[in-house]
Amino acid sequence: MTSTGASRDANATEKHVLDLAESVCRHPALNNAFYDLWRSTELPAEKVEIVARNFYAQVSPTVNRLALVFLRMSPDDVAARSETVENINDEMGNGDPRKAHTVLLRNFFSALLSRIRGHEVEFDDIDPTVLPATQRLVEQGAALFGDENVRVGCGALLAQEWHAYTQLVYLYEGARNYRHHFALEEFHENCEFFYIHIGAAEKEHKLHAVSSSAALCRAEEDLAALEHGFNSYLGLLADFWQELADAVGGTSSVV
């Protein structure tokens, strides 16, 4: 889709997009009952299974979401396309299937649940329940990322990347409640999924999401589409975390 409105100043646009991205820290997608609960206590195995199944269900389509945005980008948007491909490559373990992020996440939850339960637990054997808000996030998220207007998809991607970094910090801090189930070095070996995401690569993805989005917003209507994708995806994430909080014992959101 081509912009038809008056052109915007590029520096002003990038500042606007960065301000939008930073607003995620004030959103219920990051300020919610689930994160408070997860960081404050050790949950029983059956509740950890609910967390594991639903968190995996909502993050496992990440590569597909990135690909949907890539396919909507113009061949002339070389920088944005290159940054998106780099993100996909990181998610897929830079060509090593053992290091694909979904594999590392499954391994973490399998190891954690095995220790809590005291016997070997395979990820595929845990509680298969996927909550309604999780399903909505997956389905409606795919529609946003694959929107005909690539700026809507970029807005959703901006929300995903700026939510993801803090999300993984919070989830790792909660995972530390279970450290006593492991030897010290063993615990950290099993937390590779978190360390990858709170390291340099994920910080770079945040910056790429800003620069790629700003480069595609040349008129006010472009920014409106970007904001629609951003706010819609954050809303889906906020609903996801609230329903997950309700499912594992938390009921009130932080204001």
Protein backbone atom coordinates (compact mmCIF):
# COMPACT_ATOMS: atom_id res chain seq x y z
CA MET A 1 0.00 0.00 0.00
CA THR A 2 1.41 3.39 -0.98
CA SER A 3 1.15 6.54 1.17
CA THR A 4 -0.86 9.41 -0.27
CA GLY A 5 -0.61 12.08 2.46
CA ALA A 6 1.89 14.87 2.93
CA SER A 7 5.43 13.71 3.69
CA ARG A 8 6.71 13.82 7.28
CA ASP A 9 10.13 14.82 8.54
CA ALA A 10 12.16 11.61 8.96
CA ASN A 11 13.75 12.59 12.29
CA ALA A 12 10.42 13.61 13.76
CA THR A 13 8.90 10.35 12.60
CA GLU A 14 11.61 8.24 14.21
CA LYS A 15 11.19 10.19 17.46
CA HIS A 16 7.44 9.59 17.32
CA VAL A 17 7.93 5.86 16.75
CA LEU A 18 10.46 5.61 19.58
CA ASP A 19 8.08 7.40 21.96
CA LEU A 20 5.35 4.98 20.92
CA ALA A 21 7.62 1.99 21.52
CA GLU A 22 8.66 3.23 24.96
CA SER A 23 5.02 3.62 25.99
CA VAL A 24 4.85 -0.17 26.34
CA CYS A 25 6.35 0.14 29.83
CA ARG A 26 3.16 1.88 31.00
CA HIS A 27 0.80 -0.65 29.41
CA PRO A 28 -1.01 -3.54 31.17
CA ALA A 29 0.84 -5.85 28.77
CA LEU A 30 3.80 -5.33 31.11
CA ASN A 31 2.12 -4.08 34.29
CA ASN A 32 -0.11 -6.97 35.26
CA ALA A 33 -1.03 -9.52 37.92
CA PHE A 34 0.70 -12.43 36.22
CA TYR A 35 4.17 -10.92 36.28
CA ASP A 36 3.70 -9.97 39.94
CA LEU A 37 2.62 -13.50 40.82
CA TRP A 38 5.31 -15.24 38.76
CA ARG A 39 8.10 -13.18 40.30
CA SER A 40 6.82 -13.42 43.87
CA THR A 41 6.29 -17.13 44.46
CA GLU A 42 6.93 -20.70 43.34
CA LEU A 43 3.85 -22.18 41.68
CA PRO A 44 2.89 -25.87 41.92
CA ALA A 45 3.64 -28.10 38.95
CA GLU A 46 0.11 -28.13 37.56
CA LYS A 47 0.09 -24.34 37.37
CA VAL A 48 3.57 -24.20 35.87
CA GLU A 49 2.23 -26.51 33.16
CA ILE A 50 -0.53 -24.00 32.36
CA VAL A 51 2.08 -21.24 32.12
CA ALA A 52 4.36 -23.39 29.97
CA ARG A 53 1.66 -24.49 27.53
CA ASN A 54 0.18 -21.04 27.02
CA PHE A 55 3.41 -19.08 26.90
CA TYR A 56 4.81 -21.52 24.35
CA ALA A 57 1.59 -21.34 22.31
CA GLN A 58 1.75 -17.56 22.09
CA VAL A 59 5.47 -17.25 21.27
CA SER A 60 5.93 -20.26 18.97
CA PRO A 61 4.46 -18.44 15.91
CA THR A 62 7.05 -15.64 16.23
CA VAL A 63 8.94 -16.62 13.07
CA ASN A 64 5.68 -16.85 11.13
CA ARG A 65 4.72 -13.36 12.30
CA LEU A 66 8.06 -11.96 11.18
CA ALA A 67 7.70 -13.69 7.84
CA LEU A 68 4.23 -12.18 7.33
CA VAL A 69 5.66 -8.69 7.82
CA PHE A 70 8.60 -9.43 5.53
CA LEU A 71 6.30 -10.60 2.75
CA ARG A 72 4.30 -7.36 2.92
CA MET A 73 7.39 -5.16 2.62
CA SER A 74 8.29 -3.64 -0.72
CA PRO A 75 11.44 -5.01 -2.40
CA ASP A 76 12.68 -1.42 -2.28
CA ASP A 77 12.60 -1.40 1.55
CA VAL A 78 15.97 -3.10 1.66
CA ALA A 79 17.03 -2.01 5.15
CA ALA A 80 13.74 -3.00 6.77
CA ARG A 81 13.71 -6.35 4.97
CA SER A 82 17.31 -7.06 5.96
CA GLU A 83 16.61 -6.30 9.62
CA THR A 84 13.56 -8.54 9.57
CA VAL A 85 15.50 -11.43 8.03
CA GLU A 86 18.21 -11.03 10.67
CA ASN A 87 15.51 -11.30 13.34
CA ILE A 88 14.15 -14.48 11.74
CA ASN A 89 17.65 -15.93 11.58
CA ASP A 90 18.19 -15.26 15.29
CA GLU A 91 14.88 -16.93 16.16
CA MET A 92 15.95 -20.00 14.19
CA GLY A 93 19.22 -20.35 16.06
CA ASN A 94 21.36 -18.86 13.28
CA GLY A 95 21.03 -22.08 11.33
CA ASP A 96 21.49 -24.48 14.28
CA PRO A 97 18.14 -26.22 14.92
CA ARG A 98 19.25 -27.14 18.46
CA LYS A 99 19.46 -23.42 19.26
CA ALA A 100 16.13 -22.39 17.73
CA HIS A 101 14.36 -20.33 20.37
CA THR A 102 11.29 -22.55 20.47
CA VAL A 103 13.52 -25.59 21.08
CA LEU A 104 15.33 -23.84 23.94
CA LEU A 105 12.01 -22.83 25.49
CA ARG A 106 10.61 -26.37 25.35
CA ASN A 107 13.84 -27.67 26.87
CA PHE A 108 13.62 -25.17 29.72
CA PHE A 109 10.05 -26.09 30.66
CA SER A 110 10.74 -29.82 30.32
CA ALA A 111 13.73 -29.55 32.66
CA LEU A 112 11.85 -27.35 35.13
CA LEU A 113 8.79 -29.58 35.30
CA SER A 114 10.95 -32.70 35.53
CA ARG A 115 12.63 -31.29 38.63
CA ILE A 116 9.42 -30.07 40.25
CA ARG A 117 7.65 -33.40 39.70
CA GLY A 118 10.68 -35.55 40.48
CA HIS A 119 10.51 -37.57 37.25
CA GLU A 120 11.16 -37.02 33.55
CA VAL A 121 8.56 -34.79 31.90
CA GLU A 122 8.37 -34.34 28.13
CA PHE A 123 6.97 -31.02 26.96
CA ASP A 124 4.47 -32.73 24.64
CA ASP A 125 2.97 -34.58 27.62
CA ILE A 126 2.07 -31.56 29.76
CA ASP A 127 -1.42 -30.12 30.18
CA PRO A 128 -2.58 -29.31 26.63
CA THR A 129 -5.08 -26.61 27.68
CA VAL A 130 -4.77 -23.43 25.64
CA LEU A 131 -6.74 -20.55 27.13
CA PRO A 132 -9.20 -18.54 24.99
CA ALA A 133 -7.09 -15.36 25.28
CA THR A 134 -4.07 -17.32 24.08
CA GLN A 135 -5.96 -18.50 21.03
CA ARG A 136 -7.18 -14.97 20.30
CA LEU A 137 -3.63 -13.67 20.57
CA VAL A 138 -2.40 -16.26 18.08
CA GLU A 139 -5.23 -15.84 15.58
CA GLN A 140 -5.80 -12.09 15.76
CA GLY A 141 -2.07 -11.49 16.04
CA ALA A 142 -1.53 -13.33 12.76
CA ALA A 143 -4.14 -11.08 11.13
CA LEU A 144 -2.34 -7.97 12.37
CA PHE A 145 1.11 -9.11 11.26
CA GLY A 146 -0.24 -10.15 7.88
CA ASP A 147 -2.37 -7.05 7.33
CA GLU A 148 -2.42 -5.78 3.75
CA ASN A 149 -0.99 -2.50 5.05
CA VAL A 150 2.53 -3.47 6.12
CA ARG A 151 2.59 -0.59 8.61
CA VAL A 152 -0.07 -2.35 10.69
CA GLY A 153 2.17 -5.41 10.80
CA CYS A 154 5.18 -3.27 11.67
CA GLY A 155 3.21 -1.72 14.51
CA ALA A 156 2.43 -5.18 15.86
CA LEU A 157 6.10 -6.11 15.48
CA LEU A 158 7.15 -2.95 17.31
CA ALA A 159 4.85 -3.93 20.18
CA GLN A 160 6.16 -7.49 20.17
CA GLU A 161 9.83 -6.51 20.32
CA TRP A 162 9.47 -3.80 22.96
CA HIS A 163 7.22 -5.99 25.09
CA ALA A 164 9.43 -9.06 24.62
CA TYR A 165 12.63 -7.74 26.18
CA THR A 166 11.05 -6.74 29.49
CA GLN A 167 8.78 -9.80 29.38
CA LEU A 168 11.80 -12.11 29.31
CA VAL A 169 13.51 -10.21 32.13
CA TYR A 170 10.39 -10.66 34.26
CA LEU A 171 9.99 -14.32 33.34
CA TYR A 172 13.63 -15.03 34.12
CA GLU A 173 13.35 -13.35 37.52
CA GLY A 174 10.38 -15.60 38.24
CA ALA A 175 12.26 -18.66 37.03
CA ARG A 176 14.84 -17.96 39.74
CA ASN A 177 12.21 -19.01 42.30
CA TYR A 178 12.85 -22.58 41.10
CA ARG A 179 16.64 -22.45 41.25
CA HIS A 180 16.77 -24.69 44.32
CA HIS A 181 15.56 -27.60 42.18
CA PHE A 182 18.88 -27.52 40.29
CA ALA A 183 22.59 -27.40 40.96
CA LEU A 184 23.73 -23.79 40.47
CA GLU A 185 25.51 -24.17 37.13
CA GLU A 186 22.85 -26.61 35.94
CA PHE A 187 20.14 -24.02 36.52
CA HIS A 188 21.93 -21.47 34.39
CA GLU A 189 22.61 -24.02 31.66
CA ASN A 190 18.87 -24.59 31.40
CA CYS A 191 18.11 -20.85 31.19
CA GLU A 192 19.72 -20.34 27.79
CA PHE A 193 16.37 -19.24 26.30
CA PHE A 194 16.29 -16.27 28.68
CA TYR A 195 19.93 -15.30 28.30
CA ILE A 196 19.66 -15.14 24.52
CA HIS A 197 16.71 -12.78 24.76
CA ILE A 198 18.08 -10.43 27.40
CA GLY A 199 21.43 -10.16 25.65
CA ALA A 200 22.67 -7.97 22.82
CA ALA A 201 20.61 -9.56 20.04
CA GLU A 202 17.23 -8.74 21.53
CA LYS A 203 18.29 -5.17 22.29
CA GLU A 204 19.21 -4.84 18.63
CA HIS A 205 15.81 -6.18 17.59
CA LYS A 206 14.16 -3.39 19.58
CA LEU A 207 16.16 -0.76 17.73
CA HIS A 208 15.55 -2.43 14.38
CA ALA A 209 11.81 -2.44 15.03
CA VAL A 210 11.94 1.34 15.50
CA SER A 211 14.10 2.09 12.47
CA SER A 212 12.17 -0.28 10.19
CA SER A 213 8.82 1.15 11.26
CA ALA A 214 9.94 4.75 10.94
CA ALA A 215 11.34 4.15 7.47
CA LEU A 216 7.93 2.94 6.28
CA CYS A 217 5.99 5.88 7.77
CA ARG A 218 6.15 8.77 5.35
CA ALA A 219 2.73 10.34 6.06
CA GLU A 220 0.28 10.76 8.92
CA GLU A 221 -1.88 7.92 7.64
CA ASP A 222 1.15 5.62 7.86
CA LEU A 223 1.65 6.48 11.53
CA ALA A 224 -2.04 5.91 12.20
CA ALA A 225 -1.77 2.40 10.73
CA LEU A 226 1.40 1.72 12.73
CA GLU A 227 -0.28 2.85 15.94
CA HIS A 228 -3.30 0.67 15.20
CA GLY A 229 -1.11 -2.41 14.88
CA PHE A 230 0.92 -1.48 17.97
CA ASN A 231 -2.05 -0.81 20.26
CA SER A 232 -4.09 -3.75 18.99
CA TYR A 233 -1.28 -6.23 19.61
CA LEU A 234 -0.52 -4.85 23.06
CA GLY A 235 -4.20 -5.18 23.90
CA LEU A 236 -4.12 -8.85 22.93
CA LEU A 237 -1.02 -9.36 25.07
CA ALA A 238 -2.61 -7.63 28.06
CA ASP A 239 -5.68 -9.89 27.77
CA PHE A 240 -3.40 -12.92 27.51
CA TRP A 241 -1.50 -12.13 30.68
CA GLN A 242 -4.65 -11.29 32.65
CA GLU A 243 -6.36 -14.55 31.69
CA LEU A 244 -3.20 -16.48 32.50
CA ALA A 245 -3.04 -14.74 35.90
CA ASP A 246 -6.64 -15.75 36.57
CA ALA A 247 -5.89 -19.34 35.54
CA VAL A 248 -2.92 -19.75 37.91
CA GLY A 249 -4.22 -17.80 40.88
CA GLY A 250 -3.87 -14.04 40.33
CA THR A 251 -7.03 -12.03 39.82
CA SER A 252 -6.26 -8.30 39.95
CA SER A 253 -4.32 -6.11 37.58
CA VAL A 254 -1.82 -3.49 38.67
CA VAL A 255 -3.10 0.02 38.02
